[in-house]
Amino acid sequence: MHAAYKPFTDGIILIGDLKIDIENFLNYHHEYETFEHTISVAKKAAQIAHLFCIDPELAAQAGLLHDVSNVIPVNMMMSIAKNVSVEILEEEFSFHRIIHQKLSRSMANHVFGCANIAVLNAIECHTTLKAGASQLAKVLFVADKISWVLPGEHPYQEKMREHIQLLDLNGAVLVYLDHVWEQRNQMKLVHPWLIEAREELLAAKRGNNRG
């Protein structure tokens, strides 16, 4: 384990049962809401994965690990990312919180021993997605967004659920990407990965419509 993560693991014994280890880890750091969200995402990801013939166990594993870096204070995220050799894009310096998806990938690997590349890649882009994302990454992305418990009305969540019911995974993803794009002028950062993912899906959609 990298020394940069040691302050966050001291006092915690990992037993190799991922669900128990995640519960103990997040609750030890008083990340109770993160744990509740994590369990919801893991369950939802497994359900969605089953619909698309994707391994639900891998989807649940990605869900359990996707937000483990929430234990790191936002004002420390960038320095730790540099310390553990996480690649940082220039745009990410304007919004340090966005780096948590890459830190969660790193921690999933170095703290919790996840070696499955598909799972790690899904975790790395669970907030923004990216061009060329796998089906597993899209499942985690959708499960994360529709599992948020938010005040007020958020019609995009119901639209995403409708696309999943129609077995349209790309459509569900695009609903959220469009939602972000529509409010881009009010956001601190529209991540370049998200922009590229949206452009890729829109191009595929136009191609399908022509066909």
Protein backbone atom coordinates (compact mmCIF):
# COMPACT_ATOMS: atom_id res chain seq x y z
CA MET A 1 0.00 0.00 0.00
CA HIS A 2 1.23 3.49 -0.82
CA ALA A 3 2.29 5.46 2.25
CA ALA A 4 -0.09 8.29 1.28
CA TYR A 5 -3.06 6.05 2.11
CA LYS A 6 -1.74 4.85 5.47
CA PRO A 7 -3.36 7.66 7.52
CA PHE A 8 -6.73 6.52 6.19
CA THR A 9 -6.24 2.84 6.94
CA ASP A 10 -4.60 2.99 10.37
CA GLY A 11 -6.85 1.32 12.93
CA ILE A 12 -8.83 -0.61 10.33
CA ILE A 13 -8.52 -4.36 9.80
CA LEU A 14 -9.60 -5.56 6.36
CA ILE A 15 -10.86 -9.14 6.40
CA GLY A 16 -11.25 -9.73 2.66
CA ASP A 17 -15.06 -9.57 2.57
CA LEU A 18 -15.52 -6.49 0.41
CA LYS A 19 -18.95 -5.46 1.63
CA ILE A 20 -17.92 -5.73 5.29
CA ASP A 21 -14.58 -4.04 4.62
CA ILE A 22 -16.26 -1.12 2.84
CA GLU A 23 -18.80 -0.75 5.63
CA ASN A 24 -16.11 -0.73 8.31
CA PHE A 25 -13.85 1.59 6.31
CA LEU A 26 -16.48 4.23 5.50
CA ASN A 27 -18.16 4.13 8.89
CA TYR A 28 -14.78 4.37 10.66
CA HIS A 29 -14.35 7.68 8.83
CA HIS A 30 -17.95 8.71 9.64
CA GLU A 31 -18.92 8.54 5.97
CA TYR A 32 -22.35 7.16 6.80
CA GLU A 33 -24.16 8.80 3.88
CA THR A 34 -21.45 7.61 1.52
CA PHE A 35 -21.93 4.06 2.80
CA GLU A 36 -25.71 4.19 2.30
CA HIS A 37 -25.21 5.55 -1.21
CA THR A 38 -22.56 2.92 -1.91
CA ILE A 39 -24.86 0.07 -0.96
CA SER A 40 -27.63 1.54 -3.09
CA VAL A 41 -25.32 1.89 -6.09
CA ALA A 42 -23.96 -1.64 -5.69
CA LYS A 43 -27.48 -3.11 -5.64
CA LYS A 44 -28.69 -1.00 -8.53
CA ALA A 45 -25.57 -1.70 -10.59
CA ALA A 46 -26.04 -5.45 -10.14
CA GLN A 47 -29.70 -5.19 -11.19
CA ILE A 48 -28.88 -3.15 -14.30
CA ALA A 49 -25.93 -5.39 -15.19
CA HIS A 50 -28.19 -8.45 -15.16
CA LEU A 51 -30.47 -6.78 -17.73
CA PHE A 52 -27.56 -6.33 -20.11
CA CYS A 53 -25.88 -9.71 -19.56
CA ILE A 54 -22.98 -8.13 -17.68
CA ASP A 55 -21.52 -9.88 -14.65
CA PRO A 56 -23.59 -8.51 -11.73
CA GLU A 57 -20.88 -9.42 -9.23
CA LEU A 58 -18.39 -7.18 -11.01
CA ALA A 59 -20.99 -4.42 -11.18
CA ALA A 60 -21.67 -4.73 -7.44
CA GLN A 61 -17.93 -4.73 -6.73
CA ALA A 62 -17.51 -1.51 -8.73
CA GLY A 63 -20.44 0.00 -6.86
CA LEU A 64 -18.98 -0.86 -3.47
CA LEU A 65 -15.62 0.69 -4.36
CA HIS A 66 -16.58 3.71 -6.45
CA ASP A 67 -16.62 6.32 -3.67
CA VAL A 68 -14.00 5.02 -1.23
CA SER A 69 -11.92 8.16 -1.72
CA ASN A 70 -14.63 10.23 -0.04
CA VAL A 71 -12.68 9.64 3.18
CA ILE A 72 -10.02 12.02 1.84
CA PRO A 73 -10.75 15.71 2.53
CA VAL A 74 -11.23 17.64 -0.69
CA ASN A 75 -8.38 20.00 0.19
CA MET A 76 -6.03 16.98 0.27
CA MET A 77 -7.23 15.17 -2.84
CA MET A 78 -4.98 16.88 -5.35
CA SER A 79 -1.80 16.53 -3.29
CA ILE A 80 -2.49 12.85 -2.62
CA ALA A 81 -3.31 12.26 -6.28
CA LYS A 82 0.08 13.70 -7.20
CA ASN A 83 1.75 11.64 -4.49
CA VAL A 84 0.32 8.36 -5.77
CA SER A 85 1.04 9.24 -9.42
CA VAL A 86 -2.57 9.68 -10.53
CA GLU A 87 -2.65 11.42 -13.90
CA ILE A 88 -4.20 14.86 -13.49
CA LEU A 89 -5.68 16.84 -16.36
CA GLU A 90 -5.18 20.59 -16.48
CA GLU A 91 -8.94 21.15 -16.24
CA GLU A 92 -9.16 19.17 -13.01
CA PHE A 93 -7.14 21.77 -11.13
CA SER A 94 -10.19 24.06 -11.29
CA PHE A 95 -12.35 21.58 -9.36
CA HIS A 96 -10.41 19.30 -7.04
CA ARG A 97 -13.42 17.18 -6.06
CA ILE A 98 -13.59 15.71 -9.57
CA ILE A 99 -10.33 13.86 -8.93
CA HIS A 100 -12.13 11.58 -6.46
CA GLN A 101 -13.08 9.13 -9.23
CA LYS A 102 -9.41 8.56 -10.08
CA LEU A 103 -8.44 8.37 -6.41
CA SER A 104 -11.19 5.79 -5.83
CA ARG A 105 -9.70 3.67 -8.59
CA SER A 106 -6.27 3.93 -6.98
CA MET A 107 -7.59 3.09 -3.52
CA ALA A 108 -9.68 0.20 -4.86
CA ASN A 109 -6.48 -1.27 -6.19
CA HIS A 110 -3.93 -0.38 -3.52
CA VAL A 111 -6.07 -0.48 -0.37
CA PHE A 112 -8.74 -3.08 -1.17
CA GLY A 113 -6.74 -5.26 -3.55
CA CYS A 114 -9.04 -5.00 -6.57
CA ALA A 115 -7.05 -6.11 -9.61
CA ASN A 116 -9.87 -6.43 -12.14
CA ILE A 117 -9.08 -3.88 -14.87
CA ALA A 118 -12.71 -3.62 -16.02
CA VAL A 119 -13.84 -2.77 -12.49
CA LEU A 120 -10.99 -0.30 -11.97
CA ASN A 121 -11.67 1.42 -15.29
CA ALA A 122 -15.37 1.74 -14.44
CA ILE A 123 -14.58 3.30 -11.07
CA GLU A 124 -12.13 5.74 -12.65
CA CYS A 125 -14.84 7.39 -14.79
CA HIS A 126 -17.98 6.83 -12.71
CA THR A 127 -18.62 10.58 -12.35
CA THR A 128 -17.85 11.78 -15.87
CA LEU A 129 -17.76 8.65 -18.01
CA LYS A 130 -15.32 8.80 -20.96
CA ALA A 131 -15.18 7.97 -24.64
CA GLY A 132 -14.76 4.26 -25.28
CA ALA A 133 -16.23 3.36 -21.90
CA SER A 134 -17.17 -0.28 -21.38
CA GLN A 135 -20.69 -1.51 -20.75
CA LEU A 136 -19.70 -2.09 -17.13
CA ALA A 137 -18.56 1.52 -16.82
CA LYS A 138 -21.88 2.71 -18.25
CA VAL A 139 -23.79 0.50 -15.81
CA LEU A 140 -21.91 1.98 -12.85
CA PHE A 141 -22.35 5.50 -14.22
CA VAL A 142 -26.12 5.09 -14.53
CA ALA A 143 -26.49 3.31 -11.18
CA ASP A 144 -24.58 6.12 -9.47
CA LYS A 145 -26.74 8.87 -10.96
CA ILE A 146 -30.14 7.27 -10.35
CA SER A 147 -29.18 6.32 -6.79
CA TRP A 148 -28.55 9.89 -5.69
CA VAL A 149 -31.04 11.05 -3.06
CA LEU A 150 -31.51 14.71 -3.93
CA PRO A 151 -33.90 17.40 -2.70
CA GLY A 152 -36.43 18.70 -5.17
CA GLU A 153 -37.46 17.36 -8.55
CA HIS A 154 -34.89 15.79 -10.88
CA PRO A 155 -36.70 14.57 -14.00
CA TYR A 156 -33.50 13.24 -15.57
CA GLN A 157 -33.41 10.41 -13.02
CA GLU A 158 -36.83 9.14 -14.06
CA LYS A 159 -35.89 9.50 -17.74
CA MET A 160 -32.78 7.41 -17.12
CA ARG A 161 -34.88 4.72 -15.43
CA GLU A 162 -37.25 4.70 -18.40
CA HIS A 163 -34.37 4.08 -20.81
CA ILE A 164 -33.10 1.23 -18.63
CA GLN A 165 -36.56 -0.35 -18.69
CA LEU A 166 -36.38 -0.15 -22.48
CA LEU A 167 -32.94 -1.81 -22.38
CA ASP A 168 -31.36 1.34 -23.77
CA LEU A 169 -28.18 1.76 -21.73
CA ASN A 170 -26.64 4.37 -24.02
CA GLY A 171 -29.88 6.33 -23.94
CA ALA A 172 -29.85 6.37 -20.14
CA VAL A 173 -26.26 7.58 -20.13
CA LEU A 174 -27.00 10.29 -22.67
CA VAL A 175 -29.88 11.65 -20.61
CA TYR A 176 -27.46 12.57 -17.85
CA LEU A 177 -24.71 13.80 -20.16
CA ASP A 178 -27.24 16.08 -21.87
CA HIS A 179 -28.46 17.25 -18.45
CA VAL A 180 -24.93 18.35 -17.56
CA TRP A 181 -24.33 19.91 -20.97
CA GLU A 182 -27.51 21.98 -20.74
CA GLN A 183 -26.31 23.61 -17.51
CA ARG A 184 -22.64 23.84 -18.48
CA ASN A 185 -22.54 27.63 -18.07
CA GLN A 186 -23.44 27.31 -14.39
CA MET A 187 -20.90 24.60 -13.57
CA LYS A 188 -17.36 24.91 -12.23
CA LEU A 189 -16.18 22.28 -14.67
CA VAL A 190 -17.57 20.22 -17.51
CA HIS A 191 -14.95 17.51 -17.61
CA PRO A 192 -13.36 16.84 -21.00
CA TRP A 193 -14.02 13.12 -20.55
CA LEU A 194 -17.74 13.87 -20.24
CA ILE A 195 -17.68 16.04 -23.35
CA GLU A 196 -15.91 13.32 -25.35
CA ALA A 197 -18.28 10.62 -24.09
CA ARG A 198 -21.29 12.71 -25.05
CA GLU A 199 -19.92 13.45 -28.52
CA GLU A 200 -19.24 9.75 -29.06
CA LEU A 201 -22.76 8.71 -28.06
CA LEU A 202 -24.37 11.47 -30.11
CA ALA A 203 -22.37 10.38 -33.16
CA ALA A 204 -23.47 6.77 -32.63
CA LYS A 205 -27.08 7.91 -32.25
CA ARG A 206 -26.94 9.89 -35.48
CA GLY A 207 -25.45 6.89 -37.24
CA ASN A 208 -28.22 4.64 -35.97
CA ASN A 209 -30.86 7.14 -37.08
CA ARG A 210 -29.40 7.25 -40.60
CA GLY A 211 -29.35 3.46 -40.69
